[in-house]
């Protein structure tokens, strides 16, 4: 993806200030006050050294000193308050903007389809939603403030210094463009280095997430050393990238300090020559040097801020890349709510492929499943069984044709109402980190404890849950690691019982279970399927013998359909598959 310019990024970033414009404008006002105090301070010093100390009458001298001193004290008090607001409320505003961006990004991620997650690295996504936005608080607070303060100081210093001595001012300011050109050159190099850092830390996160998620596989193959070597390779690459960025930072910082020294030296040398020629007074030179110090501080702050600016811009770049990912499956503007359905599902000339440059997974599928029917889908691996069922809740979008539920094109109804009416029980059960109660309640957020227990009983889970030390409040561990496969599956079934949808999809829900667990889970599934339109994807053909209709899916589409007995008699693909499975110990009955 082409990287956008800083100007475009800033223009896009500005709307995030809108909810906090009162804080923002008062923060800018305080910044203006701080700037004004710093610009007035040298003038007061000049007043003391030029008028108070050289006055012929002591009374006038003391009066000027006391008045200037009191003015300095009052200004400093105002400066303290303004700085407090900038440091406290300004940073809070930045933190709120960071929070808003993280919320927007998370909401966008929820809208993306399975197609996006099929190709995404979770570690990279996590890096973008966390690490990449860490700099936004400082960036959003300091970016307008630093440039505003520095701009006012530079312009103010120039105007005031011109009132002291125009030639000396022009000599000093002639050096500034060279300083900025030097800084901008290394600033562009820093931006590239910071971007590489962000990408690489995302790769490290992805590798760590992948390794730790599969830690049991790693240990079972005794491959800890290989994982350590892989991690060391990525970690060393990150160090190498950081070295480059620090080198550019060092070059920029040292170069700016050199220009600082040149400017200050020019002011001292040329100013001293001007004093000897009577062009300026000693008091003027003192004030001049104070303004030069203020000017150099401002320029240095801008240059130093460029590092923070580029960190923020790099994070915002990657934020934009992710949030600009198109939502390929979304509601139509006039989408209606799907409700009170019976559960009839019709595939009308449906074709599907994952992307434009891949071949079709499904082609010209025509199928009508009547409400309450129990349909089994079997076939060789890669024939598109899971994909076919994933099209019903619009996890993927059909490439051609349409799918209708009770005559409604699923693209004409809201995604929320569509998926509310469909329950999915998968082979790879995902339980969230939390308690058993919380995981079952995920099927219906306002479910009572009585409803949860009833769903668990129907799923055949209540007995083993009751035997646990903490019962329904037992912590299941990340991804339910503390429970067996059969226990996790029964909890997932209880979750669907609680949801109570009219259409069900069982995606090889028992294929990874042992025989005893399979029998218990199969009974729960049969109870759940009563009165509902059910799609059963299965490799174990023994589990689909009682299905009303069995569809045999191959790369040619729906090759055969009928009951178990009908398909066996036809001596076709299903009959051949059944002979293979029945002859193996894994699928034997």
Protein backbone atom coordinates (compact mmCIF):
# COMPACT_ATOMS: atom_id res chain seq x y z
CA UNK A 1 0.00 0.00 0.00
CA UNK A 2 1.34 3.41 -0.94
CA UNK A 3 2.32 5.49 2.04
CA UNK A 4 0.48 8.79 2.37
CA UNK A 5 2.27 12.10 2.87
CA UNK A 6 2.54 13.71 6.29
CA UNK A 7 0.22 16.51 5.11
CA UNK A 8 -2.55 14.06 4.15
CA UNK A 9 -2.10 12.14 7.38
CA UNK A 10 -2.33 15.32 9.49
CA UNK A 11 -5.46 16.42 7.60
CA UNK A 12 -6.99 13.03 8.31
CA UNK A 13 -5.91 13.12 11.94
CA UNK A 14 -7.51 16.51 12.70
CA UNK A 15 -11.13 15.23 13.11
CA UNK A 16 -10.01 13.31 16.21
CA UNK A 17 -9.62 16.67 17.98
CA UNK A 18 -13.27 17.62 17.40
CA UNK A 19 -14.77 16.03 20.57
CA UNK A 20 -12.09 17.75 22.66
CA UNK A 21 -11.96 21.14 20.95
CA UNK A 22 -12.57 23.03 24.22
CA UNK A 23 -9.54 21.38 25.82
CA UNK A 24 -7.55 21.85 22.62
CA UNK A 25 -8.21 25.58 22.24
CA UNK A 26 -7.56 26.30 25.91
CA UNK A 27 -4.36 24.27 25.64
CA UNK A 28 -3.32 26.45 22.68
CA UNK A 29 -4.23 29.56 24.69
CA UNK A 30 -2.02 28.37 27.54
CA UNK A 31 0.73 27.65 25.04
CA UNK A 32 0.38 31.23 23.75
CA UNK A 33 0.65 32.53 27.34
CA UNK A 34 3.80 30.49 27.98
CA UNK A 35 5.28 31.79 24.73
CA UNK A 36 4.40 35.39 25.55
CA UNK A 37 6.05 35.09 28.98
CA UNK A 38 9.25 33.76 27.43
CA UNK A 39 9.29 36.60 24.88
CA UNK A 40 8.60 39.31 27.47
CA UNK A 41 11.19 38.04 29.96
CA UNK A 42 14.30 39.20 27.98
CA UNK A 43 12.69 42.64 27.53
CA UNK A 44 12.36 42.98 31.30
CA UNK A 45 15.98 41.91 31.76
CA UNK A 46 16.97 44.51 29.16
CA UNK A 47 14.96 47.11 31.08
CA UNK A 48 16.83 46.28 34.30
CA UNK A 49 20.30 46.23 32.69
CA UNK A 50 19.70 49.14 30.30
CA UNK A 51 17.69 51.52 32.50
CA UNK A 52 17.75 50.43 36.11
CA UNK A 53 21.51 49.93 36.46
CA UNK A 54 22.58 52.94 34.39
CA UNK A 55 20.17 55.47 35.81
CA UNK A 56 21.71 58.53 37.47
CA UNK A 57 19.19 58.64 40.34
CA UNK A 58 18.99 55.67 42.64
CA UNK A 59 15.23 56.08 43.27
CA UNK A 60 14.42 55.66 39.63
CA UNK A 61 16.85 52.76 39.37
CA UNK A 62 15.27 50.92 42.32
CA UNK A 63 11.77 51.63 41.06
CA UNK A 64 12.54 50.12 37.67
CA UNK A 65 14.22 47.10 39.24
CA UNK A 66 11.33 46.49 41.62
CA UNK A 67 8.69 46.98 38.93
CA UNK A 68 10.50 44.68 36.50
CA UNK A 69 11.10 42.11 39.23
CA UNK A 70 7.42 42.14 40.26
CA UNK A 71 6.38 41.80 36.63
CA UNK A 72 8.69 38.81 36.24
CA UNK A 73 7.23 37.19 39.38
CA UNK A 74 3.63 37.67 38.18
CA UNK A 75 4.46 36.38 34.72
CA UNK A 76 6.16 33.33 36.19
CA UNK A 77 3.07 32.58 38.31
CA UNK A 78 0.91 32.74 35.19
CA UNK A 79 3.46 30.60 33.36
CA UNK A 80 3.30 27.92 36.11
CA UNK A 81 -0.49 27.63 35.82
CA UNK A 82 -0.40 27.51 32.01
CA UNK A 83 2.32 24.86 32.05
CA UNK A 84 0.32 22.76 34.54
CA UNK A 85 -2.73 22.81 32.26
CA UNK A 86 -0.63 21.92 29.22
CA UNK A 87 1.13 19.06 31.01
CA UNK A 88 -2.02 17.64 32.65
CA UNK A 89 -5.08 18.33 30.50
CA UNK A 90 -3.12 18.38 27.25
CA UNK A 91 -1.79 14.87 27.90
CA UNK A 92 -5.25 13.67 28.98
CA UNK A 93 -6.62 14.94 25.65
CA UNK A 94 -3.90 12.99 23.84
CA UNK A 95 -4.76 9.83 25.81
CA UNK A 96 -8.46 10.22 24.96
CA UNK A 97 -7.63 10.59 21.26
CA UNK A 98 -5.47 7.45 21.46
CA UNK A 99 -8.37 5.63 23.14
CA UNK A 100 -10.80 6.77 20.43
CA UNK A 101 -8.46 5.56 17.68
CA UNK A 102 -7.99 2.19 19.35
CA UNK A 103 -11.79 1.87 19.68
CA UNK A 104 -12.32 2.76 16.00
CA UNK A 105 -9.69 0.24 14.93
CA UNK A 106 -11.18 -2.54 17.06
CA UNK A 107 -14.69 -1.81 15.75
CA UNK A 108 -13.35 -1.96 12.19
CA UNK A 109 -11.63 -5.28 12.86
CA UNK A 110 -14.98 -6.69 14.04
CA UNK A 111 -16.49 -5.83 10.65
CA UNK A 112 -13.85 -7.52 8.49
CA UNK A 113 -14.77 -10.85 6.95
CA UNK A 114 -13.08 -14.23 7.21
CA UNK A 115 -11.24 -13.46 3.96
CA UNK A 116 -9.18 -10.83 5.77
CA UNK A 117 -8.33 -13.08 8.71
CA UNK A 118 -7.44 -15.96 6.38
CA UNK A 119 -4.39 -13.94 5.30
CA UNK A 120 -3.66 -11.85 8.40
CA UNK A 121 -1.19 -12.44 11.21
CA UNK A 122 -2.85 -11.92 14.58
CA UNK A 123 0.42 -10.74 16.13
CA UNK A 124 0.74 -8.03 13.48
CA UNK A 125 -2.83 -6.90 14.12
CA UNK A 126 -2.25 -6.80 17.88
CA UNK A 127 0.90 -4.75 17.32
CA UNK A 128 -1.07 -2.18 15.33
CA UNK A 129 -3.84 -1.86 17.88
CA UNK A 130 -1.43 -1.56 20.83
CA UNK A 131 2.22 -0.66 20.11
CA UNK A 132 1.59 1.48 17.04
CA UNK A 133 -0.75 3.76 18.97
CA UNK A 134 1.45 4.24 22.06
CA UNK A 135 3.05 7.37 20.57
CA UNK A 136 -0.30 8.92 19.63
CA UNK A 137 -0.86 10.44 23.09
CA UNK A 138 2.37 12.44 22.95
CA UNK A 139 2.01 13.15 19.25
CA UNK A 140 -1.58 14.42 19.39
CA UNK A 141 -0.81 16.62 22.39
CA UNK A 142 2.58 17.99 21.42
CA UNK A 143 2.26 18.23 17.63
CA UNK A 144 0.05 21.37 17.42
CA UNK A 145 1.44 22.77 20.66
CA UNK A 146 5.13 22.46 19.77
CA UNK A 147 4.76 23.89 16.29
CA UNK A 148 2.55 26.71 17.55
CA UNK A 149 4.91 27.69 20.38
CA UNK A 150 8.02 27.36 18.24
CA UNK A 151 6.44 29.28 15.35
CA UNK A 152 5.35 32.15 17.58
CA UNK A 153 8.74 32.27 19.29
CA UNK A 154 10.66 32.28 16.03
CA UNK A 155 8.47 34.98 14.47
CA UNK A 156 8.33 36.96 17.73
CA UNK A 157 12.09 36.70 18.22
CA UNK A 158 12.70 37.83 14.65
CA UNK A 159 10.47 40.90 15.01
CA UNK A 160 11.94 41.89 18.40
CA UNK A 161 15.53 41.25 17.31
CA UNK A 162 14.97 43.42 14.24
CA UNK A 163 14.08 46.27 16.58
CA UNK A 164 17.46 45.77 18.25
CA UNK A 165 19.61 45.36 15.13
CA UNK A 166 18.48 44.32 11.67
CA UNK A 167 21.87 43.29 10.13
CA UNK A 168 22.76 41.04 13.07
CA UNK A 169 19.28 39.48 12.99
CA UNK A 170 19.52 38.71 9.28
CA UNK A 171 22.94 37.11 9.75
CA UNK A 172 21.60 34.84 12.47
CA UNK A 173 18.40 33.89 10.68
CA UNK A 174 20.28 33.13 7.46
CA UNK A 175 21.68 30.03 9.21
CA UNK A 176 18.26 28.60 10.18
CA UNK A 177 17.23 27.32 6.69
CA UNK A 178 20.43 25.26 6.47
CA UNK A 179 19.69 23.78 9.89
CA UNK A 180 16.16 22.80 8.89
CA UNK A 181 17.31 21.33 5.56
CA UNK A 182 19.84 19.19 7.40
CA UNK A 183 17.23 18.09 9.96
CA UNK A 184 14.61 17.26 7.31
CA UNK A 185 17.10 15.12 5.38
CA UNK A 186 17.77 12.89 8.39
CA UNK A 187 14.15 13.12 9.46
CA UNK A 188 13.05 11.30 6.28
CA UNK A 189 15.59 8.56 7.00
CA UNK A 190 14.28 8.28 10.57
CA UNK A 191 10.72 7.87 9.31
CA UNK A 192 11.70 4.89 7.16
CA UNK A 193 13.63 3.37 10.06
CA UNK A 194 10.72 3.84 12.48
CA UNK A 195 8.36 2.21 9.99
CA UNK A 196 10.68 -0.77 9.65
CA UNK A 197 10.73 -0.98 13.47
CA UNK A 198 6.92 -1.10 13.61
CA UNK A 199 6.76 -3.82 10.97
CA UNK A 200 9.46 -5.87 12.66
CA UNK A 201 7.98 -5.63 16.15
CA UNK A 202 4.73 -6.85 14.57
CA UNK A 203 6.62 -9.83 13.12
CA UNK A 204 8.08 -10.57 16.55
CA UNK A 205 4.62 -10.41 18.12
CA UNK A 206 3.25 -12.71 15.41
CA UNK A 207 6.03 -15.23 15.98
CA UNK A 208 5.63 -15.17 19.76
CA UNK A 209 1.85 -15.54 19.47
CA UNK A 210 2.25 -18.42 17.03
CA UNK A 211 4.85 -20.21 19.16
CA UNK A 212 3.07 -19.81 22.49
CA UNK A 213 -0.30 -20.82 21.01
CA UNK A 214 1.34 -24.01 19.78
CA UNK A 215 3.63 -24.52 22.77
CA UNK A 216 2.36 -28.07 23.30
CA UNK A 217 3.30 -28.99 19.74
CA UNK A 218 6.70 -27.35 20.19
CA UNK A 219 7.40 -29.33 23.34
CA UNK A 220 6.04 -32.60 21.95
CA UNK A 221 8.55 -32.39 19.08
CA UNK A 222 11.31 -31.10 21.40
CA UNK A 223 11.76 -28.14 19.08
CA UNK A 224 12.35 -25.45 21.71
CA UNK A 225 15.82 -24.78 20.34
CA UNK A 226 14.48 -24.23 16.81
CA UNK A 227 11.90 -21.74 18.10
CA UNK A 228 14.59 -19.94 20.11
CA UNK A 229 16.77 -19.70 17.00
CA UNK A 230 13.87 -18.38 14.92
CA UNK A 231 13.08 -15.82 17.59
CA UNK A 232 16.73 -14.78 17.88
CA UNK A 233 16.85 -14.19 14.12
CA UNK A 234 13.84 -11.84 14.21
CA UNK A 235 15.00 -10.18 17.44
CA UNK A 236 18.46 -9.51 15.98
CA UNK A 237 16.89 -8.00 12.90
CA UNK A 238 14.90 -5.66 15.14
CA UNK A 239 18.12 -4.64 16.90
CA UNK A 240 19.78 -3.96 13.55
CA UNK A 241 16.89 -1.71 12.48
CA UNK A 242 17.01 0.16 15.79
CA UNK A 243 20.74 0.72 15.37
CA UNK A 244 20.08 2.40 12.03
CA UNK A 245 17.39 4.64 13.52
CA UNK A 246 19.64 5.63 16.44
CA UNK A 247 22.44 6.40 13.98
CA UNK A 248 20.15 8.80 12.10
CA UNK A 249 18.98 10.31 15.39
CA UNK A 250 22.60 10.83 16.44
CA UNK A 251 23.52 12.43 13.14
CA UNK A 252 20.55 14.78 13.30
CA UNK A 253 21.07 15.71 16.95
CA UNK A 254 24.80 16.37 16.61
CA UNK A 255 24.30 18.34 13.38
CA UNK A 256 21.67 20.55 14.99
CA UNK A 257 23.96 21.20 17.95
CA UNK A 258 26.67 22.26 15.49
CA UNK A 259 24.32 24.77 13.87
CA UNK A 260 23.34 25.97 17.37
CA UNK A 261 26.98 26.67 18.12
CA UNK A 262 27.47 28.50 14.80
CA UNK A 263 24.43 30.73 15.43
CA UNK A 264 25.45 31.54 19.00
CA UNK A 265 29.05 32.17 17.98
CA UNK A 266 27.91 34.48 15.19
CA UNK A 267 25.76 36.43 17.64
CA UNK A 268 28.62 36.80 20.15
CA UNK A 269 31.36 37.67 17.61
CA UNK A 270 29.31 39.97 15.37
CA UNK A 271 27.57 41.51 18.40
CA UNK A 272 30.90 42.24 20.08
CA UNK A 273 32.18 43.90 16.89
CA UNK A 274 29.00 45.99 16.75
CA UNK A 275 29.55 47.11 20.38
CA UNK A 276 33.10 48.24 19.59
CA UNK A 277 31.74 50.26 16.67
CA UNK A 278 28.93 51.71 18.80
CA UNK A 279 26.18 50.13 16.70
CA UNK A 280 24.55 48.43 19.72
CA UNK A 281 24.91 48.74 23.50
CA UNK A 282 25.99 46.06 25.98
CA UNK A 283 22.40 45.90 27.30
CA UNK A 284 21.16 45.32 23.76
CA UNK A 285 23.65 42.49 23.31
CA UNK A 286 22.56 40.86 26.61
CA UNK A 287 18.91 40.99 25.51
CA UNK A 288 19.94 39.82 22.07
CA UNK A 289 21.76 36.79 23.47
CA UNK A 290 18.74 35.96 25.64
CA UNK A 291 16.50 36.04 22.58
CA UNK A 292 19.02 33.97 20.65
CA UNK A 293 18.87 31.44 23.47
CA UNK A 294 15.04 31.45 23.24
CA UNK A 295 15.25 31.14 19.48
CA UNK A 296 17.72 28.26 19.60
CA UNK A 297 15.60 26.50 22.21
CA UNK A 298 12.57 26.81 19.92
CA UNK A 299 14.42 25.56 16.87
CA UNK A 300 15.93 22.71 18.86
CA UNK A 301 12.48 21.76 20.21
CA UNK A 302 11.10 21.53 16.69
CA UNK A 303 14.05 19.43 15.55
CA UNK A 304 13.84 17.19 18.63
CA UNK A 305 10.08 16.92 18.19
CA UNK A 306 10.60 15.64 14.66
CA UNK A 307 11.62 12.29 16.16
CA UNK A 308 8.39 12.12 18.16
CA UNK A 309 6.46 13.45 15.19
CA UNK A 310 7.76 10.70 12.93
CA UNK A 311 7.04 8.03 15.54
CA UNK A 312 3.47 9.29 15.73
CA UNK A 313 3.13 9.56 11.95
CA UNK A 314 4.53 6.06 11.47
CA UNK A 315 2.01 4.67 13.96
CA UNK A 316 -0.78 6.63 12.27
CA UNK A 317 0.38 5.36 8.86
CA UNK A 318 -0.06 1.77 9.99
CA UNK A 319 -3.33 2.63 11.74
CA UNK A 320 -4.66 4.03 8.44
CA UNK A 321 -3.50 0.99 6.47
CA UNK A 322 -5.56 -1.29 8.69
CA UNK A 323 -8.61 0.93 9.09
CA UNK A 324 -8.64 1.50 5.31
CA UNK A 325 -9.00 -2.24 4.72
CA UNK A 326 -12.33 -2.40 2.90
CA UNK A 327 -15.24 -4.11 4.63
CA UNK A 328 -16.23 -6.48 1.84
CA UNK A 329 -19.30 -7.86 3.63
CA UNK A 330 -21.65 -5.27 5.09
CA UNK A 331 -25.29 -4.30 5.29
CA UNK A 332 -27.03 -2.60 2.41
CA UNK A 333 -28.42 0.85 3.26
CA UNK A 334 -31.97 -0.53 3.08
CA UNK A 335 -31.23 -3.93 4.69
CA UNK A 336 -34.17 -5.33 6.63
CA UNK A 337 -34.27 -7.40 9.80
CA UNK A 338 -34.67 -11.15 9.38
CA UNK A 339 -37.18 -12.41 11.94
CA UNK A 340 -39.80 -15.09 12.56
CA UNK A 341 -38.25 -17.44 10.02
CA UNK A 342 -39.07 -21.11 9.52
CA UNK A 343 -35.58 -22.01 8.27
CA UNK A 344 -35.91 -22.83 4.57
CA UNK A 345 -32.55 -22.37 2.85
CA UNK A 346 -32.10 -22.19 -0.92
CA UNK A 347 -28.89 -22.01 -2.96
CA UNK A 348 -29.63 -20.48 -6.34
CA UNK A 349 -26.83 -21.06 -8.89
CA UNK A 350 -24.19 -20.25 -6.24
CA UNK A 351 -20.51 -20.04 -7.16
CA UNK A 352 -17.64 -18.99 -4.93
CA UNK A 353 -13.90 -18.33 -5.10
CA UNK A 354 -11.70 -16.73 -2.45
CA UNK A 355 -10.20 -14.09 -4.75
CA UNK A 356 -10.13 -13.04 -8.37
CA UNK A 357 -6.88 -14.87 -9.06
CA UNK A 358 -7.93 -18.23 -7.57
CA UNK A 359 -10.07 -20.95 -9.06
CA UNK A 360 -13.66 -21.53 -8.01
CA UNK A 361 -14.19 -23.59 -4.88
CA UNK A 362 -17.91 -24.01 -5.58
CA UNK A 363 -19.58 -23.75 -8.96
CA UNK A 364 -23.26 -23.45 -9.90
CA UNK A 365 -24.67 -24.95 -6.69
CA UNK A 366 -28.44 -25.33 -6.69
CA UNK A 367 -30.04 -26.68 -3.54
CA UNK A 368 -33.25 -26.29 -1.56
CA UNK A 369 -33.35 -27.35 2.09
CA UNK A 370 -36.82 -27.29 3.58
CA UNK A 371 -37.48 -25.90 7.05
CA UNK A 372 -36.61 -28.39 9.79
CA UNK A 373 -34.71 -30.72 7.44
CA UNK A 374 -31.55 -32.51 8.52
CA UNK A 375 -28.96 -32.35 5.72
CA UNK A 376 -25.55 -34.01 5.85
CA UNK A 377 -22.71 -32.84 3.61
CA UNK A 378 -19.91 -35.28 2.90
CA UNK A 379 -17.13 -35.54 0.39
CA UNK A 380 -13.37 -35.63 -0.01
CA UNK A 381 -11.17 -33.02 1.70
CA UNK A 382 -11.00 -29.76 -0.20
CA UNK A 383 -14.34 -30.22 -1.91
CA UNK A 384 -15.78 -27.08 -0.23
CA UNK A 385 -18.06 -28.53 2.46
CA UNK A 386 -17.15 -25.98 5.14
CA UNK A 387 -17.07 -23.18 2.58
CA UNK A 388 -20.58 -24.04 1.41
CA UNK A 389 -21.95 -23.73 4.93
CA UNK A 390 -19.88 -20.60 5.67
CA UNK A 391 -21.73 -18.83 2.87
CA UNK A 392 -25.06 -19.13 4.73
CA UNK A 393 -24.18 -16.73 7.59
CA UNK A 394 -22.16 -14.63 5.07
CA UNK A 395 -18.77 -15.37 6.60
CA UNK A 396 -17.82 -15.20 2.93
CA UNK A 397 -19.73 -13.54 0.09
CA UNK A 398 -20.95 -15.55 -2.87
CA UNK A 399 -19.18 -14.78 -6.16
CA UNK A 400 -22.27 -15.55 -8.24
CA UNK A 401 -25.88 -16.45 -7.59
CA UNK A 402 -27.62 -15.96 -4.25
CA UNK A 403 -28.66 -17.74 -1.06
CA UNK A 404 -32.17 -17.26 0.27
CA UNK A 405 -33.63 -17.92 3.71
CA UNK A 406 -37.44 -18.14 3.66
CA UNK A 407 -37.26 -16.46 0.26
CA UNK A 408 -35.13 -13.55 1.51
CA UNK A 409 -31.81 -12.94 -0.25
CA UNK A 410 -29.34 -12.97 2.65
CA UNK A 411 -27.63 -9.89 1.16
CA UNK A 412 -30.85 -7.93 1.67
CA UNK A 413 -31.04 -8.53 5.43
CA UNK A 414 -28.86 -7.19 8.23
CA UNK A 415 -25.84 -9.27 9.14
CA UNK A 416 -26.76 -9.13 12.83
CA UNK A 417 -30.25 -10.54 12.32
CA UNK A 418 -28.96 -13.14 9.86
CA UNK A 419 -26.32 -14.49 12.22
CA UNK A 420 -28.70 -14.30 15.18
CA UNK A 421 -30.78 -16.94 13.41
CA UNK A 422 -27.88 -19.30 12.72
CA UNK A 423 -25.98 -21.40 15.26
CA UNK A 424 -22.58 -22.89 14.45
CA UNK A 425 -20.88 -25.75 16.31
CA UNK A 426 -17.34 -26.20 15.04
CA UNK A 427 -14.73 -28.91 15.33
CA UNK A 428 -12.17 -26.46 16.73
CA UNK A 429 -14.06 -25.15 19.76
CA UNK A 430 -13.06 -21.72 20.99
CA UNK A 431 -13.72 -20.89 24.62
CA UNK A 432 -12.90 -17.42 25.86
CA UNK A 433 -10.66 -16.91 28.84
CA UNK A 434 -13.11 -16.75 31.74
CA UNK A 435 -15.55 -18.98 33.59
CA UNK A 436 -17.80 -21.71 32.24
CA UNK A 437 -20.82 -19.54 33.10
CA UNK A 438 -19.45 -16.63 31.06
CA UNK A 439 -18.71 -18.86 28.08
CA UNK A 440 -22.21 -20.35 28.00
CA UNK A 441 -23.79 -16.91 28.50
CA UNK A 442 -21.96 -15.78 25.36
CA UNK A 443 -24.85 -17.37 23.44
CA UNK A 444 -27.35 -14.98 25.06
CA UNK A 445 -25.91 -12.03 26.95
CA UNK A 446 -28.96 -11.46 29.19
CA UNK A 447 -29.46 -15.13 30.08
CA UNK A 448 -30.28 -15.93 33.71
CA UNK A 449 -28.39 -18.54 35.73
CA UNK A 450 -31.42 -20.84 35.44
CA UNK A 451 -31.32 -20.57 31.64
CA UNK A 452 -27.59 -21.33 31.64
CA UNK A 453 -28.06 -24.45 33.77
CA UNK A 454 -30.96 -25.60 31.58
CA UNK A 455 -28.84 -25.17 28.42
CA UNK A 456 -25.97 -27.09 30.05
CA UNK A 457 -28.31 -29.96 30.96
CA UNK A 458 -29.59 -30.19 27.38
CA UNK A 459 -25.99 -30.21 26.13
CA UNK A 460 -25.04 -33.00 28.56
CA UNK A 461 -22.60 -30.68 30.32
CA UNK A 462 -24.30 -30.06 33.66
CA UNK A 463 -23.05 -33.27 35.28
CA UNK A 464 -19.34 -32.73 34.71
CA UNK A 465 -19.65 -28.99 35.47
CA UNK A 466 -21.27 -29.77 38.84
CA UNK A 467 -18.38 -32.07 39.72
CA UNK A 468 -15.83 -29.30 39.27
CA UNK A 469 -14.65 -27.57 42.45
CA UNK A 470 -16.08 -24.20 41.48
CA UNK A 471 -18.88 -25.49 39.26
CA UNK A 472 -20.09 -22.95 36.72
CA UNK A 473 -17.59 -20.43 38.08
CA UNK A 474 -14.63 -22.62 37.11
CA UNK A 475 -12.00 -20.73 35.17
CA UNK A 476 -11.46 -22.56 31.87
CA UNK A 477 -8.02 -21.13 31.04
CA UNK A 478 -7.02 -19.58 27.75
CA UNK A 479 -8.95 -21.27 24.91
CA UNK A 480 -10.43 -23.67 27.49
CA UNK A 481 -7.13 -25.48 27.97
CA UNK A 482 -8.18 -26.85 31.38
CA UNK A 483 -11.04 -28.85 29.87
CA UNK A 484 -11.07 -31.96 27.68
CA UNK A 485 -12.16 -31.83 24.05
CA UNK A 486 -15.53 -33.40 24.82
CA UNK A 487 -16.16 -31.01 27.72
CA UNK A 488 -15.33 -27.97 25.61
CA UNK A 489 -17.58 -29.21 22.84
CA UNK A 490 -20.51 -29.69 25.23
CA UNK A 491 -20.06 -26.15 26.56
CA UNK A 492 -20.10 -24.84 23.00
CA UNK A 493 -23.30 -26.79 22.36
CA UNK A 494 -24.85 -25.33 25.53
CA UNK A 495 -23.94 -21.91 24.15
CA UNK A 496 -25.94 -22.66 20.98
CA UNK A 497 -28.87 -24.09 23.01
CA UNK A 498 -29.01 -20.75 24.77
CA UNK A 499 -28.95 -18.88 21.47
CA UNK A 500 -31.84 -21.05 20.24
CA UNK A 501 -31.49 -20.39 16.47
CA UNK A 502 -33.78 -21.93 13.81
CA UNK A 503 -30.82 -22.89 11.57
CA UNK A 504 -27.83 -24.96 12.71
CA UNK A 505 -24.47 -25.79 11.19
CA UNK A 506 -22.42 -28.65 12.68
CA UNK A 507 -18.95 -28.43 11.17
CA UNK A 508 -17.34 -31.80 11.93
CA UNK A 509 -18.37 -31.24 15.53
CA UNK A 510 -17.40 -34.74 16.71
CA UNK A 511 -14.49 -35.65 14.43
CA UNK A 512 -11.76 -34.90 17.00
CA UNK A 513 -13.42 -36.67 19.95
CA UNK A 514 -12.87 -40.14 21.37
CA UNK A 515 -15.68 -42.68 21.01
CA UNK A 516 -17.18 -42.11 24.46
CA UNK A 517 -17.16 -38.33 24.15
CA UNK A 518 -18.47 -38.57 20.60
CA UNK A 519 -21.47 -40.58 21.75
CA UNK A 520 -22.37 -38.04 24.46
CA UNK A 521 -21.87 -35.07 22.15
CA UNK A 522 -23.78 -36.76 19.33
CA UNK A 523 -26.79 -37.20 21.62
CA UNK A 524 -26.61 -33.51 22.53
CA UNK A 525 -26.41 -32.53 18.89
CA UNK A 526 -29.42 -34.68 17.99
CA UNK A 527 -31.42 -33.04 20.77
CA UNK A 528 -30.29 -29.59 19.61
CA UNK A 529 -31.22 -30.36 16.00
CA UNK A 530 -34.84 -31.28 16.71
CA UNK A 531 -37.21 -28.94 14.90
CA UNK A 532 -34.38 -26.94 13.32
CA UNK A 533 -32.91 -26.80 9.83
CA UNK A 534 -29.58 -28.52 10.26
CA UNK A 535 -26.47 -28.79 8.10
CA UNK A 536 -24.05 -31.47 9.26
CA UNK A 537 -20.53 -31.58 7.80
CA UNK A 538 -18.92 -34.89 8.61
CA UNK A 539 -15.97 -37.10 7.79
CA UNK A 540 -17.24 -39.92 9.97
CA UNK A 541 -19.94 -41.26 7.71
CA UNK A 542 -21.37 -43.32 10.56
CA UNK A 543 -22.63 -40.08 12.12
CA UNK A 544 -24.75 -39.09 9.13
CA UNK A 545 -26.55 -42.35 8.33
CA UNK A 546 -29.78 -41.05 9.81
CA UNK A 547 -29.77 -37.74 7.94
CA UNK A 548 -32.85 -37.09 5.80
CA UNK A 549 -30.70 -36.02 2.89
CA UNK A 550 -27.00 -36.63 2.31
CA UNK A 551 -25.24 -34.37 -0.18
CA UNK A 552 -22.02 -35.63 -1.73
CA UNK A 553 -19.88 -32.63 -2.59
CA UNK A 554 -16.93 -32.94 -4.97
CA UNK A 555 -14.97 -30.53 -7.10
CA UNK A 556 -17.77 -30.95 -9.67
CA UNK A 557 -20.36 -29.62 -7.22
CA UNK A 558 -23.15 -31.69 -5.69
CA UNK A 559 -22.35 -35.05 -7.23
CA UNK A 560 -25.06 -37.06 -5.46
CA UNK A 561 -27.92 -36.54 -3.04
CA UNK A 562 -30.32 -38.85 -1.24
CA UNK A 563 -30.68 -40.95 1.89
CA UNK A 564 -27.95 -43.29 3.10
CA UNK A 565 -29.68 -46.38 1.71
CA UNK A 566 -30.38 -44.72 -1.64
CA UNK A 567 -26.77 -43.61 -2.06
CA UNK A 568 -25.40 -47.03 -1.12
CA UNK A 569 -27.64 -48.67 -3.71
CA UNK A 570 -26.56 -46.19 -6.39
CA UNK A 571 -22.99 -47.48 -6.05
CA UNK A 572 -21.52 -44.02 -6.69
CA UNK A 573 -19.11 -41.68 -4.90
CA UNK A 574 -20.83 -42.00 -1.52
CA UNK A 575 -20.87 -45.77 -1.69
CA UNK A 576 -17.16 -45.77 -2.47
CA UNK A 577 -16.39 -43.38 0.42
CA UNK A 578 -18.49 -45.45 2.80
CA UNK A 579 -16.63 -48.64 1.90
CA UNK A 580 -13.32 -46.93 2.62
CA UNK A 581 -14.48 -45.54 5.97
CA UNK A 582 -16.28 -48.69 7.05
CA UNK A 583 -13.17 -50.71 6.26
CA UNK A 584 -10.90 -48.60 8.46
CA UNK A 585 -10.60 -48.96 12.21
CA UNK A 586 -10.99 -45.20 12.58
CA UNK A 587 -14.42 -45.08 11.00
CA UNK A 588 -15.61 -48.62 11.64
CA UNK A 589 -18.78 -49.17 13.59
